[in-house]
Protein backbone atom coordinates (compact mmCIF):
# COMPACT_ATOMS: atom_id res chain seq x y z
CA MET A 1 -127.92 -9.33 5.71
CA THR A 2 -129.49 -7.10 8.33
CA ILE A 3 -132.76 -8.45 9.62
CA ASN A 4 -135.32 -5.67 9.25
CA GLU A 5 -138.33 -7.84 10.02
CA PRO A 6 -138.44 -11.27 11.69
CA PRO A 7 -139.03 -14.12 9.20
CA PHE A 8 -142.47 -15.27 10.35
CA LYS A 9 -143.72 -11.69 10.25
CA ARG A 10 -142.25 -11.24 6.80
CA LEU A 11 -143.89 -14.42 5.55
CA GLY A 12 -147.24 -13.56 7.11
CA ILE A 13 -147.22 -16.66 9.35
CA ARG A 14 -149.08 -16.11 12.62
CA ALA A 15 -146.83 -17.99 15.01
CA LEU A 16 -146.82 -18.52 18.76
CA PHE A 17 -144.21 -19.72 21.23
CA LEU A 18 -146.08 -21.42 24.09
CA VAL A 19 -144.59 -22.05 27.52
CA TRP A 20 -146.34 -23.72 30.42
CA GLY A 21 -144.87 -21.90 33.37
CA ALA A 22 -143.94 -18.50 34.74
CA PRO A 23 -141.19 -16.48 33.02
CA HIS A 24 -137.99 -17.52 34.79
CA GLY A 25 -134.66 -19.21 34.23
CA SER A 26 -133.84 -19.76 30.58
CA HIS A 27 -134.41 -16.88 28.15
CA ARG A 28 -134.44 -19.26 25.16
CA SER A 29 -138.18 -18.94 24.46
CA GLU A 30 -138.06 -15.15 24.71
CA PHE A 31 -135.19 -14.81 22.25
CA MET A 32 -136.57 -17.44 19.87
CA ALA A 33 -139.82 -15.49 19.72
CA GLN A 34 -138.02 -12.19 19.17
CA HIS A 35 -135.63 -13.49 16.53
CA LEU A 36 -138.18 -15.42 14.48
CA GLY A 37 -141.21 -13.15 14.93
CA MET A 38 -143.56 -15.08 17.21
CA ASP A 39 -145.93 -14.06 19.96
CA LEU A 40 -144.82 -15.42 23.35
CA LYS A 41 -147.41 -16.78 25.77
CA HIS A 42 -146.78 -18.13 29.27
CA ILE A 43 -149.71 -20.14 30.63
CA TYR A 44 -149.67 -21.19 34.26
CA ILE A 45 -152.24 -21.47 37.02
CA THR A 46 -149.67 -21.57 39.80
CA ALA A 47 -145.90 -21.41 39.94
CA LYS A 48 -145.88 -24.09 42.66
CA ARG A 49 -144.35 -27.43 41.72
CA GLY A 50 -144.74 -30.97 42.95
CA LYS A 51 -146.66 -34.15 42.29
CA TYR A 52 -149.64 -33.00 44.35
CA TYR A 53 -150.09 -29.78 42.35
CA ALA A 54 -149.26 -31.18 38.91
CA PRO A 55 -152.50 -33.03 37.97
CA PHE A 56 -154.70 -30.08 38.86
CA LYS A 57 -152.59 -27.34 37.32
CA TYR A 58 -151.86 -29.33 34.14
CA PHE A 59 -155.55 -30.02 33.59
CA GLY A 60 -156.38 -26.35 34.13
CA GLN A 61 -153.56 -25.27 31.82
CA LEU A 62 -154.70 -27.74 29.16
CA VAL A 63 -158.19 -26.24 29.13
CA THR A 64 -156.81 -22.69 29.22
CA THR A 65 -154.48 -23.46 26.31
CA LEU A 66 -157.27 -24.93 24.18
CA ILE A 67 -159.45 -21.88 24.76
CA PHE A 68 -156.55 -19.57 23.94
CA LEU A 69 -155.76 -21.41 20.70
CA VAL A 70 -159.39 -21.42 19.57
CA ARG A 71 -159.57 -17.67 20.15
CA LYS A 72 -156.24 -16.75 18.54
CA ARG A 73 -156.13 -19.26 15.63
CA TYR A 74 -152.36 -19.38 15.15
CA GLN A 75 -151.02 -21.14 12.06
CA LEU A 76 -147.86 -22.39 13.76
CA VAL A 77 -147.14 -23.10 17.43
CA PHE A 78 -143.76 -23.78 19.01
CA VAL A 79 -144.22 -25.56 22.37
CA GLN A 80 -141.58 -25.77 25.09
CA ALA A 81 -141.05 -29.10 26.83
CA PRO A 82 -140.87 -30.05 29.62
CA PRO A 83 -143.55 -30.59 30.52
CA ILE A 84 -144.47 -32.62 27.44
CA PHE A 85 -148.11 -32.31 28.55
CA SER A 86 -148.03 -28.73 27.21
CA VAL A 87 -147.95 -30.18 23.70
CA LEU A 88 -151.15 -32.19 24.18
CA PRO A 89 -153.67 -29.34 23.78
CA VAL A 90 -151.74 -28.04 20.76
CA TYR A 91 -151.86 -31.48 19.16
CA LEU A 92 -155.59 -31.81 19.92
CA TYR A 93 -156.25 -28.39 18.42
CA SER A 94 -154.21 -29.30 15.33
CA LEU A 95 -156.60 -32.22 14.69
CA LEU A 96 -159.46 -29.74 14.37
CA SER A 97 -157.62 -27.02 12.45
CA SER A 98 -154.81 -26.42 9.98
CA THR A 99 -152.40 -25.44 12.77
CA GLU A 100 -148.96 -27.07 12.71
CA PHE A 101 -146.71 -27.42 15.75
CA ILE A 102 -143.04 -27.81 16.67
CA ILE A 103 -141.71 -29.12 19.98
CA ASP A 104 -138.81 -27.23 21.54
CA ALA A 105 -137.38 -29.98 23.72
CA HIS A 106 -135.02 -28.98 26.51
CA THR A 107 -132.59 -31.66 27.65
CA PRO A 108 -134.47 -32.63 30.87
CA SER A 109 -137.57 -33.57 28.87
CA LEU A 110 -135.54 -36.25 27.07
CA LEU A 111 -132.88 -37.27 29.58
CA GLY A 112 -134.11 -36.08 32.97
CA PRO A 113 -135.02 -38.96 35.33
CA ILE A 114 -138.10 -37.09 36.57
CA TRP A 115 -139.56 -37.10 33.02
CA ALA A 116 -138.47 -40.59 31.93
CA TRP A 117 -141.98 -42.01 32.37
CA THR A 118 -143.36 -39.46 29.87
CA LEU A 119 -141.07 -40.53 27.00
CA PRO A 120 -143.79 -42.68 25.29
CA LEU A 121 -146.00 -39.56 25.10
CA HIS A 122 -143.04 -37.52 23.88
CA ARG A 123 -142.40 -40.12 21.17
CA PHE A 124 -146.07 -40.08 20.09
CA LEU A 125 -146.20 -36.28 19.85
CA SER A 126 -142.77 -35.89 18.22
CA ARG A 127 -143.88 -38.18 15.40
CA ARG A 128 -146.78 -35.82 14.72
CA ALA A 129 -144.90 -32.54 14.96
CA ILE A 130 -143.18 -30.79 12.04
CA THR A 131 -139.99 -31.36 14.01
CA THR A 132 -138.62 -31.55 17.54
CA ILE A 133 -135.95 -28.93 18.14
CA VAL A 134 -133.05 -30.07 20.34
CA THR A 135 -129.78 -28.44 21.31
CA ASN A 136 -127.22 -31.06 20.26
CA ASP A 137 -126.51 -34.04 18.01
CA TYR A 138 -126.87 -36.60 20.80
CA LEU A 139 -130.49 -35.59 21.41
CA GLN A 140 -131.16 -35.40 17.67
CA LYS A 141 -130.15 -39.05 17.29
CA LEU A 142 -132.35 -40.01 20.21
CA VAL A 143 -135.47 -38.35 18.74
CA ALA A 144 -134.66 -39.63 15.23
CA SER A 145 -134.53 -43.18 16.64
CA TRP A 146 -138.26 -42.78 17.36
CA GLY A 147 -138.95 -42.26 13.66
CA ALA A 148 -139.52 -38.53 14.27
CA ASN A 149 -137.91 -35.51 12.64
CA ALA A 150 -135.37 -33.77 14.88
CA PHE A 151 -133.60 -30.47 14.29
CA VAL A 152 -130.57 -29.09 16.13
CA LEU A 153 -130.86 -25.42 17.08
CA GLU A 154 -128.92 -24.12 20.06
CA ASP A 155 -130.08 -21.19 22.15
CA PRO A 156 -130.31 -18.11 19.91
CA PRO A 157 -127.74 -15.33 20.20
CA ILE A 158 -129.08 -12.98 22.81
CA ILE A 159 -130.29 -9.56 21.85
CA LYS A 160 -127.88 -7.44 23.88
CA PRO A 161 -130.03 -5.47 26.30
CA SER A 162 -129.70 -1.74 26.81
CA ILE A 163 -128.69 -1.29 30.44
CA SER A 164 -129.73 2.07 31.83
CA ARG A 165 -128.58 1.35 35.38
CA PRO A 166 -125.31 -0.61 35.49
CA MET A 167 -124.80 -2.68 38.63
CA ARG A 168 -121.86 -1.65 40.79
CA LEU A 169 -119.68 -4.51 41.99
CA LYS A 170 -116.55 -4.46 44.13
CA ASN A 171 -113.67 -2.38 42.77
CA GLY A 172 -110.26 -4.01 42.55
CA ALA A 173 -111.56 -7.58 42.78
CA LEU A 174 -112.25 -10.20 40.13
CA ASN A 175 -116.04 -10.21 40.09
CA VAL A 176 -117.39 -13.67 39.29
CA VAL A 177 -121.07 -14.26 38.54
CA MET A 178 -122.43 -17.79 38.72
CA VAL A 179 -125.63 -18.16 36.70
CA SER A 180 -127.77 -20.58 38.66
CA THR A 181 -131.39 -21.59 39.11
CA ALA A 182 -130.73 -23.37 42.43
CA SER A 183 -131.14 -26.69 40.61
CA PRO A 184 -129.72 -29.91 42.10
CA ASP A 185 -127.66 -30.55 38.96
CA GLU A 186 -125.55 -27.42 39.58
CA PRO A 187 -122.40 -27.93 41.72
CA VAL A 188 -122.88 -24.81 43.82
CA GLU A 189 -121.35 -26.29 46.98
CA GLU A 190 -118.17 -27.00 45.02
CA VAL A 191 -118.14 -23.33 43.93
CA LEU A 192 -118.42 -22.27 47.58
CA GLU A 193 -115.40 -24.42 48.45
CA ALA A 194 -113.41 -22.84 45.63
CA ALA A 195 -114.50 -19.36 46.72
CA ARG A 196 -113.36 -20.05 50.27
CA ASP A 197 -109.81 -20.52 48.93
CA LEU A 198 -109.99 -17.34 46.81
CA PRO A 199 -110.90 -14.56 49.27
CA GLU A 200 -109.55 -11.88 46.90
CA MET A 201 -112.36 -12.67 44.42
CA CYS A 202 -116.03 -11.71 44.82
CA PHE A 203 -118.74 -14.20 43.87
CA TYR A 204 -122.35 -13.38 43.00
CA ILE A 205 -124.72 -16.35 42.65
CA THR A 206 -128.19 -16.07 41.14
CA GLY A 207 -131.08 -18.36 42.04
CA ASP A 208 -133.47 -18.51 44.95
CA TYR A 209 -131.39 -20.53 47.40
CA ALA A 210 -132.86 -18.80 50.43
CA LYS A 211 -136.27 -20.23 49.50
CA SER A 212 -135.28 -23.82 48.81
CA ARG A 213 -131.78 -24.48 50.15
CA GLN A 214 -131.05 -22.08 53.01
CA TYR A 215 -128.29 -24.32 54.36
CA ILE A 216 -126.18 -23.47 51.31
CA VAL A 217 -126.55 -19.75 51.98
CA ASP A 218 -125.63 -20.29 55.63
CA SER A 219 -122.46 -22.23 54.71
CA ALA A 220 -121.10 -19.63 52.25
CA PRO A 221 -117.85 -17.75 52.91
CA PRO A 222 -118.04 -13.93 53.24
CA ASN A 223 -116.90 -13.25 49.66
CA VAL A 224 -120.02 -14.98 48.25
CA HIS A 225 -123.24 -13.03 47.72
CA PHE A 226 -126.54 -14.74 46.90
CA MET A 227 -128.57 -12.50 44.62
CA GLY A 228 -131.86 -14.41 44.59
CA TYR A 229 -134.04 -14.66 41.51
CA LEU A 230 -133.35 -11.59 39.36
CA ARG A 231 -135.56 -10.02 36.70
CA GLU A 232 -134.59 -6.44 35.75
CA ASP A 233 -131.19 -6.74 37.46
CA PHE A 234 -130.13 -9.99 35.75
CA TYR A 235 -128.38 -8.47 32.72
CA PRO A 236 -126.93 -5.51 34.65
CA LEU A 237 -125.30 -8.10 36.94
CA LEU A 238 -123.92 -10.13 34.03
CA ALA A 239 -122.69 -6.97 32.28
CA ALA A 240 -120.77 -5.96 35.41
CA ALA A 241 -119.07 -9.36 35.77
CA ASP A 242 -115.45 -10.03 34.85
CA VAL A 243 -116.12 -13.75 34.48
CA ILE A 244 -119.36 -15.73 34.16
CA VAL A 245 -119.61 -19.24 35.60
CA ASP A 246 -122.26 -21.76 34.55
CA LEU A 247 -121.82 -25.37 35.58
CA CYS A 248 -123.83 -28.58 35.29
CA VAL A 249 -123.20 -32.23 36.11
CA GLU A 250 -125.19 -33.48 33.08
CA ASP A 251 -123.02 -34.32 30.05
CA HIS A 252 -125.56 -33.44 27.35
CA GLN A 253 -126.98 -30.21 28.75
CA PHE A 254 -126.74 -26.93 26.83
CA LEU A 255 -126.53 -24.11 29.38
CA SER A 256 -128.39 -20.86 28.85
CA GLY A 257 -126.08 -19.00 31.22
CA ALA A 258 -123.10 -20.02 29.08
CA ASN A 259 -124.94 -18.74 26.02
CA GLU A 260 -125.60 -15.44 27.81
CA ALA A 261 -121.87 -15.11 28.50
CA LEU A 262 -121.30 -15.68 24.79
CA GLY A 263 -123.90 -13.07 23.84
CA LEU A 264 -122.37 -10.49 26.17
CA GLY A 265 -118.80 -11.32 25.16
CA LYS A 266 -117.79 -12.32 28.68
CA PRO A 267 -115.10 -14.88 29.60
CA LEU A 268 -116.79 -18.11 30.61
CA ILE A 269 -116.03 -20.96 32.98
CA THR A 270 -118.19 -24.01 32.37
CA SER A 271 -118.15 -27.75 32.84
CA LYS A 272 -116.28 -30.31 30.81
CA GLY A 273 -118.49 -32.39 28.55
CA PRO A 274 -119.04 -33.04 24.84
CA VAL A 275 -121.79 -30.49 24.29
CA LEU A 276 -120.25 -27.58 26.19
CA GLU A 277 -116.69 -28.23 24.99
CA GLY A 278 -117.88 -28.53 21.40
CA TYR A 279 -119.94 -25.34 21.31
CA PHE A 280 -118.04 -23.03 23.66
CA ASN A 281 -114.59 -23.73 22.26
CA GLN A 282 -113.14 -20.20 22.50
CA GLY A 283 -113.03 -17.66 25.30
CA THR A 284 -113.94 -20.47 27.70
CA ILE A 285 -112.24 -22.55 30.38
CA HIS A 286 -113.76 -25.99 30.88
CA VAL A 287 -113.39 -27.47 34.34
CA HIS A 288 -114.19 -30.58 36.31
CA ASN A 289 -117.05 -29.96 38.73
CA THR A 290 -114.79 -30.16 41.78
CA PRO A 291 -113.54 -27.44 44.13
CA THR A 292 -110.00 -27.98 42.80
CA GLY A 293 -111.05 -27.86 39.15
CA ILE A 294 -113.19 -24.75 39.66
CA ARG A 295 -110.47 -22.98 41.64
CA GLN A 296 -107.86 -23.71 38.98
CA GLY A 297 -110.21 -22.47 36.29
CA LEU A 298 -110.82 -19.21 38.11
CA LEU A 299 -107.10 -18.58 38.59
CA GLU A 300 -106.45 -19.30 34.92
CA ALA A 301 -109.26 -16.92 33.93
CA GLN A 302 -107.78 -14.21 36.13
CA ASP A 303 -104.43 -14.55 34.35
CA LYS A 304 -105.92 -14.62 30.82
CA LEU A 305 -108.84 -12.23 31.16
CA ALA A 306 -108.13 -10.01 28.13
CA GLU A 307 -107.29 -13.00 25.89
CA LEU A 308 -110.46 -14.84 26.90
CA LYS A 309 -112.63 -11.80 26.25
CA ALA A 310 -111.18 -11.31 22.76
CA ASP A 311 -111.67 -14.99 21.97
CA MET A 312 -115.26 -14.91 23.22
CA LEU A 313 -116.10 -11.93 21.00
CA SER A 314 -114.65 -13.84 18.04
CA LEU A 315 -116.73 -16.92 18.92
CA GLN A 316 -119.81 -14.72 19.30
CA ALA A 317 -119.59 -13.63 15.64
CA ILE A 318 -119.08 -17.22 14.48
CA ARG A 319 -121.99 -18.66 16.46
CA ARG A 320 -124.36 -15.89 15.38
CA ARG A 321 -123.70 -16.65 11.70
CA GLU A 322 -124.15 -20.36 12.36
CA TRP A 323 -127.42 -19.83 14.24
CA TRP A 324 -129.00 -17.84 11.43
CA ALA A 325 -127.83 -20.43 8.90
CA ARG A 326 -129.56 -23.15 10.93
CA ALA A 327 -132.64 -20.96 11.30
CA ASP A 328 -132.67 -20.65 7.51
CA ARG A 329 -132.84 -24.43 7.22
CA LEU A 330 -135.56 -24.63 9.84
CA LEU A 331 -137.63 -22.07 7.95
CA THR A 332 -137.24 -24.09 4.74
CA LEU A 333 -138.51 -27.18 6.56
CA ILE A 334 -141.49 -25.26 7.92
CA GLN A 335 -142.34 -23.86 4.49
CA GLN A 336 -142.25 -27.36 3.01
CA GLU A 337 -144.48 -28.84 5.70
CA MET A 338 -146.95 -25.95 5.55
CA ASN A 339 -146.96 -25.96 1.72
CA LEU A 340 -145.65 -22.39 1.54
CA ALA A 341 -143.64 -21.12 -1.40
CA PRO A 342 -139.97 -20.54 -0.42
CA THR A 343 -138.82 -16.91 -0.51
CA GLY A 344 -135.20 -17.61 -1.43
CA GLU A 345 -134.13 -15.01 1.16
CA SER A 346 -131.49 -15.62 3.77
CA LEU A 347 -132.39 -14.74 7.35
CA GLY A 348 -128.98 -13.55 8.42
């Protein structure tokens, strides 16, 4: 079925997707809002991070969020975590209103060492939410062990952007784009070592390394180009790539960059691991996060480029059908919890 109107709009549910933080990195919240028919609101006092800023900005964002919710009176609020503190004002508001909420829990909020001390709060809030959305079965079992409802929904299929100004990359070379946020869990130095042994390939790495890790930029071979944090040029860069690379050392992480490769039908190189190998099982080469593993993966991709692209387009169609089927089940759960009559319509 062709989706003429997003489901929450069609059902007359005033829904919000709330994010504490500036728009950057993952596009999951943006596409979830677009696909399901929610307003998207980013609330942040400062984009600066760190333990000295956190108490002040979180308190300010809590107050700002409460005021926003009182003014807008949404019936349903999806809240991105981390930080789990973003759910607190939504929960408090729900005590004074008929508003229901859902937690969209990214892997770091549940498994990241920096957020481990907040798990008791996460447990408390998850038990009071309609559900906590996670990206894989491992995380679902973890949240369910708290006595909370958990629902698996991977990143939505991207809405392929219209690109008015294609990015021009080097002719005659295999152009490799590494999707990165300059996070410590990304093996970028291993990619640089692989690139040094593959001078005939051109590498383009996103993420603001010059701001936080200049030594990595300084150590790069000449065939590597650091693109910084991209906004308008992000999809033109991905569209111009021959191969997209997205790597992570965490076993249970679902990678948005890998999902963007899927949405654009681009051959993908990503890390070995149960989540990534289970979901991206066509059009993809899974590698160990070592210079040797990454180099071998790139050479294999170069040899099988057409085959990988065809397989990725096939996987794209499969995963889109699966996503809408899961979204159907999520909508049924929401209707039950909000005491809404089911429509009997399929979303996709």
